[in-house]
Amino acid sequence: MKIYSLYLYQKGADGKMKLVDSANDFNDIGFLYRKNAIEICDFAAQQMADGSNMNTYITAEENKFLISMYRMRPNVAILIAVDKEYPSRAAFNILREIGTEYETNHLQFPNGKSAVMKKAIVEYQNPANADKIKKIQENLDDIQKIMVTNLEEAIGRGQKINELAEKSEHLSESSKMFLRDSKKLNRCCG
């Protein structure tokens, strides 16, 4: 699972979508194919940014890449290029995070660059880091395993308690018989 590129486009004065910021990591693609892969992603991202409506989430497949786009405003589009194994929910979470940062900074980035884009290309290579719901689900799964173990141990203790209660009843009956027998012996010998 890999994030290859992130793009942020904004509509310019001429009405065309212009690339505002991008980040990419094609290091795991062979040197001979790398330039071609970058061109494929760049071209597909530009085409998607040019032809979509507001508030849409779109994913397109191009060669071995999935390119997802979030159009948060009529004039702003954020795109991510990932491999086919990267979860779409995590990809869209990254796009929303970049969009939130962009809106928070009044549709511009400090120093012209996005801090989230740089962070995402490194930190979110593992989709679990980008997908908070998946993290919560993993935590719930861990908690469930612990609870099952605790319940099994408690049930095991409960069985031991039942065994002790049965032994206690048996001991009580035995002691009553011993008491009766000893009273009989005391009467006849006494």
N, C-alpha and C. Protein backbone atom coordinates (compact mmCIF):
# COMPACT_ATOMS: atom_id res chain seq x y z
N MET A 1 0.86 -1.18 0.00
CA MET A 1 0.00 0.00 0.00
C MET A 1 0.90 1.23 0.00
N LYS A 2 0.60 2.14 -0.90
CA LYS A 2 1.52 3.25 -1.10
C LYS A 2 0.78 4.49 -1.58
N ILE A 3 1.18 5.64 -1.05
CA ILE A 3 0.74 6.93 -1.58
C ILE A 3 1.84 7.41 -2.51
N TYR A 4 1.47 7.71 -3.74
CA TYR A 4 2.46 8.19 -4.71
C TYR A 4 2.46 9.71 -4.82
N SER A 5 1.27 10.31 -4.90
CA SER A 5 1.21 11.76 -5.11
C SER A 5 0.00 12.37 -4.44
N LEU A 6 0.15 13.63 -4.07
CA LEU A 6 -0.95 14.47 -3.58
C LEU A 6 -0.92 15.75 -4.39
N TYR A 7 -2.10 16.23 -4.76
CA TYR A 7 -2.20 17.45 -5.57
C TYR A 7 -3.27 18.36 -4.99
N LEU A 8 -3.06 19.65 -5.10
CA LEU A 8 -4.08 20.63 -4.77
C LEU A 8 -4.17 21.61 -5.92
N TYR A 9 -5.36 21.67 -6.52
CA TYR A 9 -5.60 22.57 -7.65
C TYR A 9 -6.56 23.66 -7.23
N GLN A 10 -6.36 24.85 -7.78
CA GLN A 10 -7.29 25.96 -7.56
C GLN A 10 -7.52 26.64 -8.91
N LYS A 11 -8.77 27.04 -9.11
CA LYS A 11 -9.12 27.69 -10.38
C LYS A 11 -8.47 29.06 -10.43
N GLY A 12 -7.78 29.33 -11.51
CA GLY A 12 -7.11 30.61 -11.69
C GLY A 12 -8.05 31.65 -12.29
N ALA A 13 -7.53 32.85 -12.51
CA ALA A 13 -8.32 33.95 -13.08
C ALA A 13 -8.80 33.63 -14.49
N ASP A 14 -8.05 32.77 -15.19
CA ASP A 14 -8.44 32.40 -16.55
C ASP A 14 -9.49 31.29 -16.59
N GLY A 15 -9.91 30.81 -15.40
CA GLY A 15 -10.94 29.77 -15.33
C GLY A 15 -10.40 28.36 -15.41
N LYS A 16 -9.09 28.19 -15.53
CA LYS A 16 -8.49 26.86 -15.60
C LYS A 16 -7.93 26.48 -14.23
N MET A 17 -7.95 25.17 -13.97
CA MET A 17 -7.41 24.67 -12.70
C MET A 17 -5.88 24.71 -12.76
N LYS A 18 -5.30 25.35 -11.76
CA LYS A 18 -3.84 25.48 -11.66
C LYS A 18 -3.36 24.69 -10.44
N LEU A 19 -2.21 24.04 -10.58
CA LEU A 19 -1.62 23.30 -9.49
C LEU A 19 -1.06 24.29 -8.46
N VAL A 20 -1.58 24.23 -7.22
CA VAL A 20 -1.14 25.11 -6.14
C VAL A 20 0.00 24.46 -5.38
N ASP A 21 -0.15 23.16 -5.09
CA ASP A 21 0.88 22.45 -4.32
C ASP A 21 0.78 20.97 -4.65
N SER A 22 1.89 20.28 -4.49
CA SER A 22 1.89 18.84 -4.69
C SER A 22 3.03 18.23 -3.88
N ALA A 23 2.91 16.95 -3.65
CA ALA A 23 3.96 16.18 -2.99
C ALA A 23 3.92 14.80 -3.62
N ASN A 24 5.08 14.19 -3.82
CA ASN A 24 5.07 12.84 -4.38
C ASN A 24 6.22 12.01 -3.86
N ASP A 25 6.06 10.69 -4.04
CA ASP A 25 7.08 9.73 -3.65
C ASP A 25 6.97 8.53 -4.59
N PHE A 26 7.78 8.53 -5.62
CA PHE A 26 7.80 7.43 -6.59
C PHE A 26 9.08 6.61 -6.46
N ASN A 27 9.71 6.65 -5.30
CA ASN A 27 11.01 6.00 -5.11
C ASN A 27 10.98 4.49 -5.29
N ASP A 28 9.84 3.85 -5.04
CA ASP A 28 9.81 2.40 -5.16
C ASP A 28 9.53 1.94 -6.59
N ILE A 29 9.32 2.88 -7.49
CA ILE A 29 9.12 2.54 -8.90
C ILE A 29 10.48 2.62 -9.59
N GLY A 30 10.75 1.65 -10.42
CA GLY A 30 12.03 1.58 -11.12
C GLY A 30 12.35 2.85 -11.88
N PHE A 31 13.63 3.14 -12.00
CA PHE A 31 14.10 4.39 -12.61
C PHE A 31 13.55 4.58 -14.02
N LEU A 32 13.51 3.51 -14.81
CA LEU A 32 13.07 3.63 -16.20
C LEU A 32 11.57 3.92 -16.31
N TYR A 33 10.80 3.44 -15.37
CA TYR A 33 9.34 3.63 -15.42
C TYR A 33 8.89 4.84 -14.60
N ARG A 34 9.76 5.36 -13.75
CA ARG A 34 9.38 6.43 -12.82
C ARG A 34 8.85 7.67 -13.52
N LYS A 35 9.54 8.15 -14.54
CA LYS A 35 9.11 9.36 -15.25
C LYS A 35 7.73 9.14 -15.88
N ASN A 36 7.53 7.97 -16.46
CA ASN A 36 6.25 7.64 -17.07
C ASN A 36 5.14 7.60 -16.01
N ALA A 37 5.43 7.02 -14.84
CA ALA A 37 4.45 6.94 -13.76
C ALA A 37 4.07 8.34 -13.27
N ILE A 38 5.05 9.20 -13.12
CA ILE A 38 4.78 10.58 -12.69
C ILE A 38 3.90 11.29 -13.71
N GLU A 39 4.22 11.12 -14.99
CA GLU A 39 3.42 11.76 -16.04
C GLU A 39 1.99 11.25 -16.06
N ILE A 40 1.82 9.94 -15.86
CA ILE A 40 0.47 9.35 -15.84
C ILE A 40 -0.34 9.97 -14.71
N CYS A 41 0.24 10.00 -13.51
CA CYS A 41 -0.48 10.55 -12.35
C CYS A 41 -0.77 12.04 -12.53
N ASP A 42 0.22 12.79 -12.98
CA ASP A 42 0.03 14.23 -13.17
C ASP A 42 -1.07 14.51 -14.20
N PHE A 43 -1.04 13.79 -15.32
CA PHE A 43 -2.03 14.00 -16.38
C PHE A 43 -3.44 13.62 -15.90
N ALA A 44 -3.55 12.45 -15.26
CA ALA A 44 -4.87 12.01 -14.78
C ALA A 44 -5.42 12.97 -13.72
N ALA A 45 -4.55 13.45 -12.84
CA ALA A 45 -4.99 14.40 -11.81
C ALA A 45 -5.48 15.69 -12.44
N GLN A 46 -4.76 16.20 -13.42
CA GLN A 46 -5.16 17.44 -14.09
C GLN A 46 -6.51 17.25 -14.79
N GLN A 47 -6.70 16.12 -15.46
CA GLN A 47 -7.96 15.86 -16.16
C GLN A 47 -9.13 15.77 -15.18
N MET A 48 -8.91 15.10 -14.06
CA MET A 48 -9.98 14.97 -13.06
C MET A 48 -10.30 16.33 -12.45
N ALA A 49 -9.29 17.12 -12.16
CA ALA A 49 -9.51 18.44 -11.55
C ALA A 49 -10.28 19.35 -12.50
N ASP A 50 -10.00 19.24 -13.79
CA ASP A 50 -10.68 20.09 -14.78
C ASP A 50 -12.14 19.72 -14.97
N GLY A 51 -12.49 18.46 -14.78
CA GLY A 51 -13.84 18.06 -15.16
C GLY A 51 -14.68 17.45 -14.06
N SER A 52 -14.91 18.17 -12.99
CA SER A 52 -15.77 17.62 -11.94
C SER A 52 -16.61 18.71 -11.32
N ASN A 53 -17.62 18.28 -10.57
CA ASN A 53 -18.53 19.21 -9.90
C ASN A 53 -18.11 19.40 -8.45
N MET A 54 -18.76 20.36 -7.80
CA MET A 54 -18.46 20.67 -6.40
C MET A 54 -18.93 19.55 -5.47
N ASN A 55 -18.23 19.42 -4.35
CA ASN A 55 -18.56 18.46 -3.30
C ASN A 55 -18.67 17.04 -3.82
N THR A 56 -17.78 16.65 -4.68
CA THR A 56 -17.81 15.29 -5.19
C THR A 56 -16.55 14.55 -4.79
N TYR A 57 -16.75 13.28 -4.56
CA TYR A 57 -15.64 12.36 -4.33
C TYR A 57 -15.61 11.43 -5.54
N ILE A 58 -14.50 11.38 -6.22
CA ILE A 58 -14.38 10.56 -7.42
C ILE A 58 -13.09 9.75 -7.31
N THR A 59 -13.16 8.51 -7.77
CA THR A 59 -11.96 7.69 -7.88
C THR A 59 -11.88 7.13 -9.28
N ALA A 60 -10.72 7.24 -9.89
CA ALA A 60 -10.49 6.70 -11.23
C ALA A 60 -9.26 5.80 -11.19
N GLU A 61 -9.29 4.79 -12.05
CA GLU A 61 -8.17 3.86 -12.13
C GLU A 61 -7.37 4.17 -13.38
N GLU A 62 -6.08 4.29 -13.21
CA GLU A 62 -5.19 4.55 -14.35
C GLU A 62 -3.94 3.70 -14.18
N ASN A 63 -3.75 2.72 -15.07
CA ASN A 63 -2.66 1.74 -14.97
C ASN A 63 -2.70 1.08 -13.60
N LYS A 64 -1.64 1.18 -12.83
CA LYS A 64 -1.64 0.54 -11.51
C LYS A 64 -2.00 1.52 -10.38
N PHE A 65 -2.51 2.68 -10.75
CA PHE A 65 -2.82 3.73 -9.78
C PHE A 65 -4.32 3.92 -9.62
N LEU A 66 -4.72 4.29 -8.42
CA LEU A 66 -6.07 4.79 -8.16
C LEU A 66 -5.90 6.27 -7.82
N ILE A 67 -6.61 7.11 -8.52
CA ILE A 67 -6.53 8.54 -8.27
C ILE A 67 -7.88 8.99 -7.76
N SER A 68 -7.89 9.49 -6.53
CA SER A 68 -9.13 9.93 -5.89
C SER A 68 -9.11 11.44 -5.77
N MET A 69 -10.30 12.04 -5.92
CA MET A 69 -10.39 13.49 -5.87
C MET A 69 -11.54 13.90 -4.97
N TYR A 70 -11.31 14.99 -4.25
CA TYR A 70 -12.35 15.64 -3.46
C TYR A 70 -12.43 17.08 -3.94
N ARG A 71 -13.58 17.45 -4.49
CA ARG A 71 -13.80 18.83 -4.93
C ARG A 71 -14.57 19.50 -3.81
N MET A 72 -13.87 20.26 -2.97
CA MET A 72 -14.51 20.85 -1.79
C MET A 72 -15.19 22.18 -2.08
N ARG A 73 -14.78 22.85 -3.11
CA ARG A 73 -15.38 24.12 -3.55
C ARG A 73 -15.38 24.10 -5.07
N PRO A 74 -16.13 24.98 -5.69
CA PRO A 74 -16.11 25.00 -7.16
C PRO A 74 -14.73 25.30 -7.72
N ASN A 75 -13.91 25.97 -6.94
CA ASN A 75 -12.60 26.37 -7.46
C ASN A 75 -11.42 25.65 -6.81
N VAL A 76 -11.68 24.61 -5.99
CA VAL A 76 -10.60 23.89 -5.31
C VAL A 76 -10.81 22.38 -5.45
N ALA A 77 -9.77 21.69 -5.88
CA ALA A 77 -9.81 20.22 -5.99
C ALA A 77 -8.54 19.66 -5.36
N ILE A 78 -8.71 18.60 -4.57
CA ILE A 78 -7.59 17.94 -3.92
C ILE A 78 -7.58 16.49 -4.41
N LEU A 79 -6.42 16.01 -4.82
CA LEU A 79 -6.32 14.66 -5.38
C LEU A 79 -5.20 13.88 -4.73
N ILE A 80 -5.36 12.56 -4.74
CA ILE A 80 -4.35 11.66 -4.21
C ILE A 80 -4.20 10.49 -5.18
N ALA A 81 -2.97 10.11 -5.47
CA ALA A 81 -2.68 8.95 -6.31
C ALA A 81 -2.06 7.88 -5.42
N VAL A 82 -2.72 6.73 -5.38
CA VAL A 82 -2.27 5.62 -4.53
C VAL A 82 -2.26 4.34 -5.36
N ASP A 83 -1.69 3.27 -4.79
CA ASP A 83 -1.79 1.99 -5.48
C ASP A 83 -3.16 1.39 -5.22
N LYS A 84 -3.47 0.32 -5.91
CA LYS A 84 -4.83 -0.24 -5.86
C LYS A 84 -5.16 -0.86 -4.51
N GLU A 85 -4.17 -1.15 -3.69
CA GLU A 85 -4.41 -1.78 -2.40
C GLU A 85 -4.70 -0.77 -1.29
N TYR A 86 -4.42 0.49 -1.52
CA TYR A 86 -4.60 1.51 -0.48
C TYR A 86 -6.10 1.72 -0.24
N PRO A 87 -6.56 1.66 1.02
CA PRO A 87 -8.00 1.80 1.30
C PRO A 87 -8.54 3.18 0.92
N SER A 88 -9.68 3.19 0.25
CA SER A 88 -10.24 4.46 -0.22
C SER A 88 -10.67 5.35 0.94
N ARG A 89 -11.16 4.77 2.03
CA ARG A 89 -11.57 5.59 3.17
C ARG A 89 -10.38 6.36 3.74
N ALA A 90 -9.23 5.71 3.84
CA ALA A 90 -8.03 6.39 4.33
C ALA A 90 -7.61 7.49 3.36
N ALA A 91 -7.69 7.21 2.06
CA ALA A 91 -7.32 8.22 1.06
C ALA A 91 -8.22 9.45 1.17
N PHE A 92 -9.53 9.24 1.31
CA PHE A 92 -10.44 10.38 1.41
C PHE A 92 -10.27 11.13 2.73
N ASN A 93 -9.88 10.42 3.79
CA ASN A 93 -9.58 11.11 5.05
C ASN A 93 -8.40 12.07 4.87
N ILE A 94 -7.39 11.65 4.13
CA ILE A 94 -6.24 12.51 3.86
C ILE A 94 -6.67 13.73 3.06
N LEU A 95 -7.51 13.52 2.04
CA LEU A 95 -7.99 14.64 1.22
C LEU A 95 -8.78 15.64 2.07
N ARG A 96 -9.63 15.13 2.96
CA ARG A 96 -10.40 16.03 3.84
C ARG A 96 -9.48 16.81 4.77
N GLU A 97 -8.44 16.15 5.27
CA GLU A 97 -7.50 16.83 6.18
C GLU A 97 -6.77 17.96 5.45
N ILE A 98 -6.35 17.71 4.23
CA ILE A 98 -5.69 18.76 3.44
C ILE A 98 -6.67 19.89 3.15
N GLY A 99 -7.91 19.54 2.82
CA GLY A 99 -8.94 20.55 2.56
C GLY A 99 -9.23 21.40 3.77
N THR A 100 -9.28 20.78 4.94
CA THR A 100 -9.51 21.52 6.19
C THR A 100 -8.37 22.49 6.45
N GLU A 101 -7.14 22.03 6.25
CA GLU A 101 -5.98 22.92 6.44
C GLU A 101 -6.05 24.10 5.47
N TYR A 102 -6.43 23.82 4.24
CA TYR A 102 -6.48 24.87 3.22
C TYR A 102 -7.56 25.90 3.55
N GLU A 103 -8.73 25.43 3.99
CA GLU A 103 -9.80 26.37 4.36
C GLU A 103 -9.44 27.15 5.62
N THR A 104 -8.79 26.50 6.58
CA THR A 104 -8.38 27.17 7.81
C THR A 104 -7.43 28.32 7.51
N ASN A 105 -6.61 28.15 6.49
CA ASN A 105 -5.65 29.19 6.10
C ASN A 105 -6.20 30.10 5.01
N HIS A 106 -7.53 30.18 4.91
CA HIS A 106 -8.19 31.10 3.98
C HIS A 106 -7.76 30.90 2.53
N LEU A 107 -7.80 29.64 2.11
CA LEU A 107 -7.51 29.23 0.73
C LEU A 107 -6.10 29.59 0.26
N GLN A 108 -5.18 29.51 1.18
CA GLN A 108 -3.76 29.64 0.81
C GLN A 108 -2.94 28.93 1.87
N PHE A 109 -1.75 28.54 1.52
CA PHE A 109 -0.87 27.88 2.46
C PHE A 109 0.22 28.84 2.89
N PRO A 110 0.62 28.77 4.17
CA PRO A 110 1.76 29.57 4.59
C PRO A 110 2.98 29.15 3.77
N ASN A 111 3.73 30.08 3.30
CA ASN A 111 4.93 29.82 2.48
C ASN A 111 4.61 29.09 1.18
N GLY A 112 3.34 29.07 0.78
CA GLY A 112 2.96 28.45 -0.48
C GLY A 112 2.92 26.94 -0.47
N LYS A 113 3.21 26.30 0.67
CA LYS A 113 3.25 24.84 0.74
C LYS A 113 2.39 24.32 1.88
N SER A 114 1.83 23.15 1.67
CA SER A 114 0.99 22.51 2.67
C SER A 114 1.81 21.65 3.62
N ALA A 115 1.65 21.89 4.91
CA ALA A 115 2.33 21.05 5.89
C ALA A 115 1.71 19.65 5.91
N VAL A 116 0.41 19.58 5.71
CA VAL A 116 -0.29 18.29 5.74
C VAL A 116 0.15 17.41 4.56
N MET A 117 0.33 18.01 3.39
CA MET A 117 0.74 17.22 2.22
C MET A 117 2.11 16.59 2.45
N LYS A 118 3.03 17.36 2.98
CA LYS A 118 4.36 16.82 3.24
C LYS A 118 4.29 15.71 4.28
N LYS A 119 3.48 15.94 5.32
CA LYS A 119 3.33 14.94 6.38
C LYS A 119 2.64 13.69 5.84
N ALA A 120 1.61 13.86 5.04
CA ALA A 120 0.82 12.74 4.55
C ALA A 120 1.64 11.81 3.67
N ILE A 121 2.48 12.37 2.84
CA ILE A 121 3.25 11.54 1.92
C ILE A 121 4.22 10.64 2.68
N VAL A 122 4.60 11.03 3.89
CA VAL A 122 5.51 10.23 4.70
C VAL A 122 4.74 9.41 5.74
N GLU A 123 3.95 10.10 6.55
CA GLU A 123 3.30 9.48 7.70
C GLU A 123 2.16 8.54 7.34
N TYR A 124 1.45 8.83 6.27
CA TYR A 124 0.26 8.05 5.95
C TYR A 124 0.53 6.93 4.94
N GLN A 125 1.78 6.57 4.73
CA GLN A 125 2.05 5.40 3.89
C GLN A 125 1.39 4.17 4.50
N ASN A 126 1.31 4.15 5.82
CA ASN A 126 0.52 3.12 6.50
C ASN A 126 -0.89 3.68 6.65
N PRO A 127 -1.87 3.11 5.95
CA PRO A 127 -3.22 3.68 5.94
C PRO A 127 -3.88 3.71 7.32
N ALA A 128 -3.43 2.87 8.22
CA ALA A 128 -4.03 2.88 9.57
C ALA A 128 -3.78 4.21 10.26
N ASN A 129 -2.70 4.90 9.91
CA ASN A 129 -2.42 6.21 10.50
C ASN A 129 -3.39 7.27 10.02
N ALA A 130 -3.93 7.11 8.82
CA ALA A 130 -4.85 8.10 8.25
C ALA A 130 -6.30 7.79 8.55
N ASP A 131 -6.58 6.54 8.85
CA ASP A 131 -7.97 6.11 9.02
C ASP A 131 -8.28 5.94 10.50
N LYS A 132 -8.85 6.98 11.10
CA LYS A 132 -9.15 6.97 12.53
C LYS A 132 -10.17 5.89 12.88
N ILE A 133 -11.12 5.65 11.99
CA ILE A 133 -12.12 4.61 12.25
C ILE A 133 -11.44 3.25 12.32
N LYS A 134 -10.49 3.01 11.43
CA LYS A 134 -9.77 1.74 11.45
C LYS A 134 -8.98 1.60 12.75
N LYS A 135 -8.35 2.70 13.20
CA LYS A 135 -7.62 2.67 14.47
C LYS A 135 -8.56 2.31 15.62
N ILE A 136 -9.73 2.95 15.64
CA ILE A 136 -10.70 2.67 16.69
C ILE A 136 -11.14 1.22 16.62
N GLN A 137 -11.38 0.72 15.40
CA GLN A 137 -11.79 -0.67 15.23
C GLN A 137 -10.71 -1.62 15.74
N GLU A 138 -9.44 -1.32 15.44
CA GLU A 138 -8.35 -2.16 15.93
C GLU A 138 -8.29 -2.13 17.45
N ASN A 139 -8.48 -0.94 18.05
CA ASN A 139 -8.51 -0.84 19.51
C ASN A 139 -9.66 -1.65 20.08
N LEU A 140 -10.83 -1.55 19.45
CA LEU A 140 -11.99 -2.33 19.91
C LEU A 140 -11.73 -3.83 19.80
N ASP A 141 -11.08 -4.25 18.72
CA ASP A 141 -10.74 -5.66 18.57
C ASP A 141 -9.81 -6.12 19.68
N ASP A 142 -8.81 -5.29 20.01
CA ASP A 142 -7.89 -5.63 21.10
C ASP A 142 -8.64 -5.72 22.43
N ILE A 143 -9.52 -4.76 22.67
CA ILE A 143 -10.30 -4.77 23.91
C ILE A 143 -11.20 -5.99 23.96
N GLN A 144 -11.78 -6.35 22.82
CA GLN A 144 -12.66 -7.52 22.77
C GLN A 144 -11.88 -8.78 23.13
N LYS A 145 -10.66 -8.92 22.60
CA LYS A 145 -9.84 -10.09 22.91
C LYS A 145 -9.54 -10.15 24.41
N ILE A 146 -9.22 -9.00 24.99
CA ILE A 146 -8.93 -8.95 26.43
C ILE A 146 -10.17 -9.33 27.23
N MET A 147 -11.33 -8.80 26.83
CA MET A 147 -12.57 -9.10 27.55
C MET A 147 -12.93 -10.58 27.44
N VAL A 148 -12.74 -11.17 26.27
CA VAL A 148 -13.03 -12.60 26.10
C VAL A 148 -12.12 -13.42 27.01
N THR A 149 -10.84 -13.05 27.05
CA THR A 149 -9.90 -13.75 27.93
C THR A 149 -10.33 -13.62 29.39
N ASN A 150 -10.69 -12.40 29.79
CA ASN A 150 -11.13 -12.18 31.17
C ASN A 150 -12.39 -12.97 31.50
N LEU A 151 -13.34 -12.99 30.56
CA LEU A 151 -14.58 -13.75 30.79
C LEU A 151 -14.29 -15.24 30.89
N GLU A 152 -13.42 -15.74 30.03
CA GLU A 152 -13.07 -17.16 30.10
C GLU A 152 -12.42 -17.49 31.44
N GLU A 153 -11.54 -16.61 31.90
CA GLU A 153 -10.91 -16.83 33.21
C GLU A 153 -11.95 -16.75 34.32
N ALA A 154 -12.87 -15.80 34.22
CA ALA A 154 -13.92 -15.68 35.24
C ALA A 154 -14.82 -16.90 35.24
N ILE A 155 -15.15 -17.39 34.06
CA ILE A 155 -15.98 -18.61 33.98
C ILE A 155 -15.21 -19.78 34.57
N GLY A 156 -13.92 -19.84 34.28
CA GLY A 156 -13.08 -20.89 34.87
C GLY A 156 -13.08 -20.80 36.38
N ARG A 157 -13.00 -19.58 36.91
CA ARG A 157 -13.07 -19.39 38.36
C ARG A 157 -14.44 -19.78 38.88
N GLY A 158 -15.46 -19.46 38.11
CA GLY A 158 -16.83 -19.82 38.51
C GLY A 158 -16.98 -21.33 38.61
N GLN A 159 -16.38 -22.06 37.68
CA GLN A 159 -16.44 -23.51 37.73
C GLN A 159 -15.71 -24.02 38.97
N LYS A 160 -14.58 -23.42 39.27
CA LYS A 160 -13.83 -23.81 40.46
C LYS A 160 -14.64 -23.52 41.72
N ILE A 161 -15.35 -22.39 41.73
CA ILE A 161 -16.20 -22.06 42.88
C ILE A 161 -17.31 -23.09 43.02
N ASN A 162 -17.91 -23.51 41.91
CA ASN A 162 -18.95 -24.54 41.96
C ASN A 162 -18.39 -25.85 42.50
N GLU A 163 -17.18 -26.22 42.06
CA GLU A 163 -16.54 -27.43 42.58
C GLU A 163 -16.30 -27.31 44.08
N LEU A 164 -15.81 -26.14 44.52
CA LEU A 164 -15.58 -25.93 45.96
C LEU A 164 -16.89 -26.01 46.74
N ALA A 165 -17.97 -25.45 46.19
CA ALA A 165 -19.27 -25.51 46.86
C ALA A 165 -19.74 -26.95 47.00
N GLU A 166 -19.56 -27.76 45.95
CA GLU A 166 -19.94 -29.17 46.01
C GLU A 166 -19.11 -29.91 47.05
N LYS A 167 -17.81 -29.65 47.07
CA LYS A 167 -16.93 -30.30 48.05
C LYS A 167 -17.31 -29.87 49.46
N SER A 168 -17.67 -28.60 49.60
CA SER A 168 -18.09 -28.08 50.91
C SER A 168 -19.36 -28.78 51.38
N GLU A 169 -20.33 -28.95 50.48
CA GLU A 169 -21.56 -29.66 50.84
C GLU A 169 -21.25 -31.10 51.23
N HIS A 170 -20.39 -31.75 50.46
CA HIS A 170 -20.02 -33.13 50.76
C HIS A 170 -19.33 -33.21 52.12
N LEU A 171 -18.44 -32.27 52.40
CA LEU A 171 -17.75 -32.22 53.69
C LEU A 171 -18.75 -31.98 54.82
N SER A 172 -19.72 -31.11 54.58
CA SER A 172 -20.75 -30.82 55.59
C SER A 172 -21.57 -32.07 55.89
N GLU A 173 -21.97 -32.79 54.85
CA GLU A 173 -22.72 -34.04 55.05
C GLU A 173 -21.89 -35.07 55.79
N SER A 174 -20.61 -35.17 55.42
CA SER A 174 -19.71 -36.12 56.08
C SER A 174 -19.54 -35.77 57.55
N SER A 175 -19.43 -34.49 57.86
CA SER A 175 -19.26 -34.09 59.26
C SER A 175 -20.54 -34.35 60.06
N LYS A 176 -21.73 -34.18 59.45
CA LYS A 176 -22.99 -34.49 60.13
C LYS A 176 -23.09 -35.99 60.42
N MET A 177 -22.66 -36.81 59.44
CA MET A 177 -22.67 -38.26 59.67
C MET A 177 -21.71 -38.63 60.78
N PHE A 178 -20.55 -37.99 60.79
CA PHE A 178 -19.57 -38.26 61.83
C PHE A 178 -20.13 -37.89 63.20
N LEU A 179 -20.83 -36.75 63.27
CA LEU A 179 -21.44 -36.30 64.52
C LEU A 179 -22.48 -37.31 65.00
N ARG A 180 -23.36 -37.77 64.11
CA ARG A 180 -24.38 -38.77 64.48
C ARG A 180 -23.74 -40.06 64.96
N ASP A 181 -22.74 -40.52 64.21
CA ASP A 181 -22.08 -41.77 64.59
C ASP A 181 -21.36 -41.63 65.93
N SER A 182 -20.75 -40.48 66.16
CA SER A 182 -20.05 -40.30 67.44
C SER A 182 -21.04 -40.21 68.59
N LYS A 183 -22.24 -39.61 68.37
CA LYS A 183 -23.27 -39.56 69.42
C LYS A 183 -23.76 -40.97 69.75
N LYS A 184 -23.96 -41.79 68.73
CA LYS A 184 -24.40 -43.18 68.94
C LYS A 184 -23.36 -43.94 69.75
N LEU A 185 -22.10 -43.74 69.39
CA LEU A 185 -21.04 -44.44 70.11
C LEU A 185 -20.95 -43.96 71.55
N ASN A 186 -21.14 -42.69 71.79
CA ASN A 186 -21.08 -42.15 73.14
C ASN A 186 -22.24 -42.69 73.98
N ARG A 187 -23.43 -42.89 73.43
CA ARG A 187 -24.58 -43.41 74.16
C ARG A 187 -24.36 -44.87 74.55
N CYS A 188 -23.87 -45.59 73.61
CA CYS A 188 -23.75 -47.01 73.92
C CYS A 188 -22.55 -47.29 74.81
N CYS A 189 -21.54 -46.53 74.76
CA CYS A 189 -20.34 -46.75 75.57
C CYS A 189 -20.36 -45.92 76.84
N GLY A 190 -21.15 -44.97 76.88
CA GLY A 190 -21.13 -43.99 77.91
C GLY A 190 -21.81 -44.24 79.14
